[in-house]
Amino acid sequence: MANNLHILILAAGQGTRMKSARSKVMHEIAGLPLVGHVIKTAESLKPNCITVVVSPKQDEISQFVKPHKTAIQKKQLGTADAVKAGLANLKAKTGTLLILYGDGPLYTEKHTYKIIKGL
């Protein structure tokens, strides 16, 4: 993929419907946290950068996603606010932005590439 691709992964949600103290994106499926599957797909596209948006108390996610950057969504005010928090890390960048949800383990390189290229 071209070096002008930037990927934001939204992972700041509380996941309260999971009824768990653990963040939703850190629940495992097929031996990897949900966000891990999303990162693998994002990495396969060889983007310029991957930024994961987390909330202030999600250190477990921040540690897991290293070496990728994290952006802090200070207050959970919805999806658009999460994107806004992530965009702060990309102000000087130009190119294509792909936004993925951190709890989407079924994204594939083939499908995300089609999204980028406009089907």
N, C-alpha and C. Protein backbone atom coordinates (compact mmCIF):
# COMPACT_ATOMS: atom_id res chain seq x y z
N MET A 1 0.84 -1.17 0.00
CA MET A 1 0.00 0.00 0.00
C MET A 1 0.89 1.23 0.00
N ALA A 2 0.37 2.31 -0.49
CA ALA A 2 1.13 3.55 -0.57
C ALA A 2 1.46 4.07 0.82
N ASN A 3 2.55 4.78 0.90
CA ASN A 3 3.02 5.31 2.18
C ASN A 3 2.20 6.49 2.67
N ASN A 4 1.16 6.89 1.94
CA ASN A 4 0.33 8.01 2.39
C ASN A 4 -0.95 7.54 3.07
N LEU A 5 -0.98 6.27 3.47
CA LEU A 5 -2.12 5.73 4.20
C LEU A 5 -1.88 5.86 5.70
N HIS A 6 -2.88 6.38 6.40
CA HIS A 6 -2.83 6.52 7.85
C HIS A 6 -4.06 5.80 8.40
N ILE A 7 -3.88 5.05 9.46
CA ILE A 7 -4.99 4.27 10.01
C ILE A 7 -5.23 4.68 11.46
N LEU A 8 -6.50 4.97 11.76
CA LEU A 8 -6.96 5.22 13.13
C LEU A 8 -7.76 4.00 13.56
N ILE A 9 -7.44 3.47 14.71
CA ILE A 9 -8.21 2.37 15.28
C ILE A 9 -8.88 2.91 16.54
N LEU A 10 -10.20 2.86 16.57
CA LEU A 10 -10.96 3.41 17.68
C LEU A 10 -11.16 2.32 18.74
N ALA A 11 -10.55 2.53 19.91
CA ALA A 11 -10.58 1.52 20.97
C ALA A 11 -10.83 2.13 22.34
N ALA A 12 -11.46 3.31 22.40
CA ALA A 12 -11.62 4.01 23.67
C ALA A 12 -12.93 3.69 24.38
N GLY A 13 -13.78 2.91 23.76
CA GLY A 13 -15.08 2.63 24.37
C GLY A 13 -14.97 1.88 25.69
N GLN A 14 -15.96 2.06 26.52
CA GLN A 14 -15.97 1.42 27.83
C GLN A 14 -16.35 -0.06 27.76
N GLY A 15 -17.14 -0.45 26.78
CA GLY A 15 -17.52 -1.85 26.65
C GLY A 15 -18.36 -2.35 27.81
N THR A 16 -19.21 -1.50 28.34
CA THR A 16 -20.00 -1.87 29.52
C THR A 16 -20.94 -3.04 29.27
N ARG A 17 -21.36 -3.23 28.04
CA ARG A 17 -22.26 -4.35 27.75
C ARG A 17 -21.56 -5.70 27.88
N MET A 18 -20.24 -5.68 27.94
CA MET A 18 -19.48 -6.93 28.11
C MET A 18 -19.58 -7.45 29.54
N LYS A 19 -20.02 -6.60 30.47
CA LYS A 19 -20.12 -6.99 31.89
C LYS A 19 -18.79 -7.54 32.40
N SER A 20 -17.72 -6.79 32.11
CA SER A 20 -16.38 -7.22 32.46
C SER A 20 -15.55 -6.02 32.86
N ALA A 21 -14.61 -6.22 33.76
CA ALA A 21 -13.70 -5.15 34.15
C ALA A 21 -12.67 -4.90 33.04
N ARG A 22 -12.48 -5.87 32.19
CA ARG A 22 -11.53 -5.76 31.09
C ARG A 22 -12.15 -5.00 29.92
N SER A 23 -11.37 -4.19 29.27
CA SER A 23 -11.84 -3.44 28.10
C SER A 23 -12.30 -4.41 27.01
N LYS A 24 -13.36 -4.05 26.32
CA LYS A 24 -13.92 -4.93 25.29
C LYS A 24 -12.88 -5.35 24.26
N VAL A 25 -12.07 -4.42 23.80
CA VAL A 25 -11.12 -4.75 22.73
C VAL A 25 -9.99 -5.66 23.19
N MET A 26 -9.86 -5.85 24.50
CA MET A 26 -8.83 -6.75 25.03
C MET A 26 -9.35 -8.16 25.30
N HIS A 27 -10.62 -8.41 25.07
CA HIS A 27 -11.13 -9.77 25.18
C HIS A 27 -10.58 -10.58 24.01
N GLU A 28 -10.21 -11.80 24.29
CA GLU A 28 -9.54 -12.62 23.28
C GLU A 28 -10.52 -13.45 22.46
N ILE A 29 -10.15 -13.60 21.21
CA ILE A 29 -10.82 -14.51 20.30
C ILE A 29 -9.72 -15.11 19.43
N ALA A 30 -9.73 -16.41 19.29
CA ALA A 30 -8.71 -17.11 18.50
C ALA A 30 -7.30 -16.75 18.96
N GLY A 31 -7.11 -16.66 20.28
CA GLY A 31 -5.79 -16.47 20.85
C GLY A 31 -5.20 -15.08 20.81
N LEU A 32 -6.01 -14.09 20.45
CA LEU A 32 -5.50 -12.73 20.33
C LEU A 32 -6.61 -11.76 20.75
N PRO A 33 -6.27 -10.67 21.44
CA PRO A 33 -7.31 -9.68 21.75
C PRO A 33 -7.95 -9.16 20.47
N LEU A 34 -9.21 -8.74 20.56
CA LEU A 34 -9.91 -8.22 19.39
C LEU A 34 -9.08 -7.16 18.67
N VAL A 35 -8.53 -6.21 19.43
CA VAL A 35 -7.73 -5.15 18.82
C VAL A 35 -6.47 -5.69 18.16
N GLY A 36 -5.96 -6.80 18.62
CA GLY A 36 -4.79 -7.42 18.00
C GLY A 36 -5.08 -7.88 16.58
N HIS A 37 -6.25 -8.43 16.36
CA HIS A 37 -6.64 -8.83 15.01
C HIS A 37 -6.74 -7.61 14.08
N VAL A 38 -7.29 -6.53 14.62
CA VAL A 38 -7.44 -5.30 13.82
C VAL A 38 -6.06 -4.74 13.48
N ILE A 39 -5.15 -4.76 14.44
CA ILE A 39 -3.80 -4.26 14.19
C ILE A 39 -3.09 -5.11 13.14
N LYS A 40 -3.25 -6.41 13.20
CA LYS A 40 -2.62 -7.28 12.19
C LYS A 40 -3.10 -6.92 10.79
N THR A 41 -4.41 -6.70 10.66
CA THR A 41 -4.95 -6.32 9.36
C THR A 41 -4.41 -4.95 8.94
N ALA A 42 -4.39 -4.01 9.87
CA ALA A 42 -3.88 -2.67 9.57
C ALA A 42 -2.42 -2.75 9.13
N GLU A 43 -1.61 -3.51 9.84
CA GLU A 43 -0.20 -3.65 9.48
C GLU A 43 -0.01 -4.25 8.10
N SER A 44 -0.90 -5.16 7.72
CA SER A 44 -0.77 -5.81 6.41
C SER A 44 -0.92 -4.82 5.26
N LEU A 45 -1.54 -3.69 5.52
CA LEU A 45 -1.71 -2.65 4.50
C LEU A 45 -0.49 -1.75 4.38
N LYS A 46 0.47 -1.95 5.27
CA LYS A 46 1.73 -1.19 5.28
C LYS A 46 1.50 0.33 5.26
N PRO A 47 0.73 0.81 6.23
CA PRO A 47 0.45 2.25 6.27
C PRO A 47 1.65 3.06 6.76
N ASN A 48 1.57 4.36 6.55
CA ASN A 48 2.58 5.27 7.08
C ASN A 48 2.57 5.21 8.59
N CYS A 49 1.36 5.20 9.18
CA CYS A 49 1.27 5.09 10.63
C CYS A 49 -0.08 4.51 11.05
N ILE A 50 -0.06 3.94 12.23
CA ILE A 50 -1.27 3.42 12.87
C ILE A 50 -1.37 4.12 14.21
N THR A 51 -2.52 4.73 14.48
CA THR A 51 -2.78 5.37 15.76
C THR A 51 -4.01 4.72 16.37
N VAL A 52 -3.89 4.33 17.62
CA VAL A 52 -5.00 3.70 18.34
C VAL A 52 -5.53 4.70 19.36
N VAL A 53 -6.83 4.97 19.29
CA VAL A 53 -7.47 5.92 20.20
C VAL A 53 -7.95 5.15 21.43
N VAL A 54 -7.50 5.58 22.61
CA VAL A 54 -7.86 4.94 23.87
C VAL A 54 -8.35 6.00 24.85
N SER A 55 -8.98 5.54 25.92
CA SER A 55 -9.38 6.46 26.98
C SER A 55 -8.25 6.56 28.00
N PRO A 56 -8.29 7.55 28.90
CA PRO A 56 -7.18 7.76 29.83
C PRO A 56 -6.81 6.56 30.71
N LYS A 57 -7.75 5.70 31.02
CA LYS A 57 -7.46 4.60 31.95
C LYS A 57 -7.25 3.26 31.25
N GLN A 58 -6.89 3.29 29.99
CA GLN A 58 -6.73 2.05 29.24
C GLN A 58 -5.26 1.75 28.95
N ASP A 59 -4.46 1.71 30.01
CA ASP A 59 -3.04 1.45 29.88
C ASP A 59 -2.76 0.07 29.28
N GLU A 60 -3.61 -0.90 29.58
CA GLU A 60 -3.42 -2.25 29.04
C GLU A 60 -3.44 -2.22 27.51
N ILE A 61 -4.35 -1.45 26.95
CA ILE A 61 -4.43 -1.34 25.49
C ILE A 61 -3.20 -0.61 24.96
N SER A 62 -2.86 0.51 25.59
CA SER A 62 -1.70 1.29 25.15
C SER A 62 -0.43 0.44 25.11
N GLN A 63 -0.24 -0.38 26.12
CA GLN A 63 0.93 -1.26 26.16
C GLN A 63 0.86 -2.32 25.08
N PHE A 64 -0.32 -2.89 24.87
CA PHE A 64 -0.48 -3.96 23.90
C PHE A 64 -0.20 -3.48 22.48
N VAL A 65 -0.62 -2.28 22.12
CA VAL A 65 -0.53 -1.82 20.73
C VAL A 65 0.84 -1.27 20.35
N LYS A 66 1.76 -1.15 21.31
CA LYS A 66 3.10 -0.67 21.00
C LYS A 66 3.71 -1.56 19.93
N PRO A 67 4.43 -1.02 18.99
CA PRO A 67 5.04 0.30 18.92
C PRO A 67 4.16 1.37 18.27
N HIS A 68 2.90 1.05 18.03
CA HIS A 68 2.03 2.03 17.38
C HIS A 68 1.66 3.14 18.36
N LYS A 69 1.38 4.31 17.80
CA LYS A 69 1.03 5.47 18.61
C LYS A 69 -0.36 5.30 19.21
N THR A 70 -0.56 6.00 20.33
CA THR A 70 -1.90 6.08 20.90
C THR A 70 -2.28 7.55 21.02
N ALA A 71 -3.59 7.78 20.96
CA ALA A 71 -4.14 9.11 21.19
C ALA A 71 -5.17 8.93 22.30
N ILE A 72 -5.23 9.89 23.19
CA ILE A 72 -6.15 9.80 24.33
C ILE A 72 -7.43 10.58 24.04
N GLN A 73 -8.56 9.89 24.17
CA GLN A 73 -9.87 10.54 24.10
C GLN A 73 -10.25 10.83 25.55
N LYS A 74 -10.09 12.07 25.96
CA LYS A 74 -10.24 12.43 27.37
C LYS A 74 -11.63 12.15 27.94
N LYS A 75 -12.66 12.41 27.16
CA LYS A 75 -14.04 12.12 27.58
C LYS A 75 -14.70 11.31 26.47
N GLN A 76 -15.42 10.28 26.83
CA GLN A 76 -16.09 9.45 25.84
C GLN A 76 -17.36 10.17 25.38
N LEU A 77 -17.22 10.93 24.31
CA LEU A 77 -18.33 11.71 23.77
C LEU A 77 -18.78 11.18 22.42
N GLY A 78 -18.47 9.94 22.13
CA GLY A 78 -18.93 9.31 20.90
C GLY A 78 -17.83 9.10 19.87
N THR A 79 -18.25 8.49 18.77
CA THR A 79 -17.32 8.10 17.71
C THR A 79 -16.63 9.30 17.08
N ALA A 80 -17.38 10.34 16.76
CA ALA A 80 -16.78 11.52 16.12
C ALA A 80 -15.73 12.16 17.02
N ASP A 81 -15.98 12.17 18.32
CA ASP A 81 -15.01 12.73 19.25
C ASP A 81 -13.76 11.86 19.32
N ALA A 82 -13.92 10.55 19.21
CA ALA A 82 -12.76 9.65 19.19
C ALA A 82 -11.91 9.91 17.95
N VAL A 83 -12.56 10.10 16.82
CA VAL A 83 -11.83 10.42 15.59
C VAL A 83 -11.09 11.74 15.76
N LYS A 84 -11.76 12.72 16.32
CA LYS A 84 -11.14 14.03 16.56
C LYS A 84 -9.88 13.88 17.42
N ALA A 85 -9.95 13.06 18.46
CA ALA A 85 -8.78 12.83 19.32
C ALA A 85 -7.64 12.21 18.53
N GLY A 86 -7.96 11.28 17.67
CA GLY A 86 -6.92 10.63 16.86
C GLY A 86 -6.32 11.53 15.81
N LEU A 87 -7.13 12.42 15.26
CA LEU A 87 -6.64 13.32 14.21
C LEU A 87 -5.59 14.29 14.73
N ALA A 88 -5.59 14.54 16.02
CA ALA A 88 -4.58 15.44 16.60
C ALA A 88 -3.17 14.93 16.31
N ASN A 89 -2.99 13.61 16.23
CA ASN A 89 -1.68 13.02 15.92
C ASN A 89 -1.34 13.10 14.44
N LEU A 90 -2.31 13.45 13.61
CA LEU A 90 -2.11 13.40 12.16
C LEU A 90 -2.15 14.77 11.50
N LYS A 91 -2.07 15.84 12.26
CA LYS A 91 -2.24 17.19 11.71
C LYS A 91 -1.31 17.50 10.54
N ALA A 92 -0.09 17.06 10.59
CA ALA A 92 0.87 17.39 9.54
C ALA A 92 0.87 16.36 8.41
N LYS A 93 0.00 15.39 8.47
CA LYS A 93 -0.02 14.31 7.48
C LYS A 93 -1.00 14.63 6.35
N THR A 94 -0.70 14.10 5.19
CA THR A 94 -1.63 14.16 4.06
C THR A 94 -1.79 12.75 3.52
N GLY A 95 -2.86 12.52 2.79
CA GLY A 95 -3.06 11.20 2.21
C GLY A 95 -4.43 10.65 2.55
N THR A 96 -4.50 9.34 2.65
CA THR A 96 -5.76 8.64 2.89
C THR A 96 -5.83 8.23 4.35
N LEU A 97 -7.01 8.41 4.94
CA LEU A 97 -7.24 8.00 6.33
C LEU A 97 -8.25 6.86 6.33
N LEU A 98 -7.89 5.76 6.95
CA LEU A 98 -8.78 4.63 7.13
C LEU A 98 -9.08 4.53 8.62
N ILE A 99 -10.36 4.52 8.98
CA ILE A 99 -10.77 4.42 10.37
C ILE A 99 -11.39 3.05 10.60
N LEU A 100 -10.85 2.33 11.57
CA LEU A 100 -11.35 0.99 11.90
C LEU A 100 -11.77 0.95 13.37
N TYR A 101 -12.73 0.11 13.67
CA TYR A 101 -13.13 -0.10 15.06
C TYR A 101 -12.23 -1.17 15.68
N GLY A 102 -11.81 -0.93 16.91
CA GLY A 102 -10.92 -1.85 17.61
C GLY A 102 -11.56 -3.18 17.96
N ASP A 103 -12.88 -3.24 17.89
CA ASP A 103 -13.57 -4.50 18.21
C ASP A 103 -14.08 -5.20 16.94
N GLY A 104 -13.36 -5.00 15.83
CA GLY A 104 -13.74 -5.61 14.56
C GLY A 104 -12.72 -6.65 14.12
N PRO A 105 -12.68 -7.81 14.76
CA PRO A 105 -11.63 -8.78 14.47
C PRO A 105 -11.74 -9.45 13.09
N LEU A 106 -12.83 -9.23 12.39
CA LEU A 106 -13.01 -9.91 11.11
C LEU A 106 -12.64 -9.05 9.89
N TYR A 107 -12.06 -7.87 10.12
CA TYR A 107 -11.55 -7.10 8.98
C TYR A 107 -10.47 -7.94 8.30
N THR A 108 -10.41 -7.86 6.98
CA THR A 108 -9.35 -8.56 6.26
C THR A 108 -8.60 -7.56 5.40
N GLU A 109 -7.39 -7.91 5.02
CA GLU A 109 -6.59 -7.06 4.14
C GLU A 109 -7.33 -6.83 2.82
N LYS A 110 -7.91 -7.88 2.28
CA LYS A 110 -8.61 -7.78 1.00
C LYS A 110 -9.76 -6.77 1.07
N HIS A 111 -10.57 -6.86 2.11
CA HIS A 111 -11.72 -5.98 2.22
C HIS A 111 -11.33 -4.54 2.54
N THR A 112 -10.37 -4.35 3.41
CA THR A 112 -9.96 -2.99 3.73
C THR A 112 -9.27 -2.34 2.54
N TYR A 113 -8.53 -3.12 1.77
CA TYR A 113 -7.90 -2.58 0.56
C TYR A 113 -8.98 -2.12 -0.43
N LYS A 114 -10.05 -2.87 -0.56
CA LYS A 114 -11.16 -2.48 -1.45
C LYS A 114 -11.79 -1.17 -0.97
N ILE A 115 -11.92 -1.01 0.33
CA ILE A 115 -12.48 0.23 0.89
C ILE A 115 -11.59 1.41 0.51
N ILE A 116 -10.31 1.24 0.67
CA ILE A 116 -9.34 2.31 0.37
C ILE A 116 -9.40 2.68 -1.11
N LYS A 117 -9.50 1.69 -1.94
CA LYS A 117 -9.49 1.93 -3.39
C LYS A 117 -10.85 2.28 -3.95
N GLY A 118 -11.87 2.33 -3.09
CA GLY A 118 -13.21 2.73 -3.54
C GLY A 118 -14.00 1.63 -4.23
N LEU A 119 -13.73 0.39 -3.85
CA LEU A 119 -14.41 -0.77 -4.42
C LEU A 119 -14.24 -0.74 -5.91
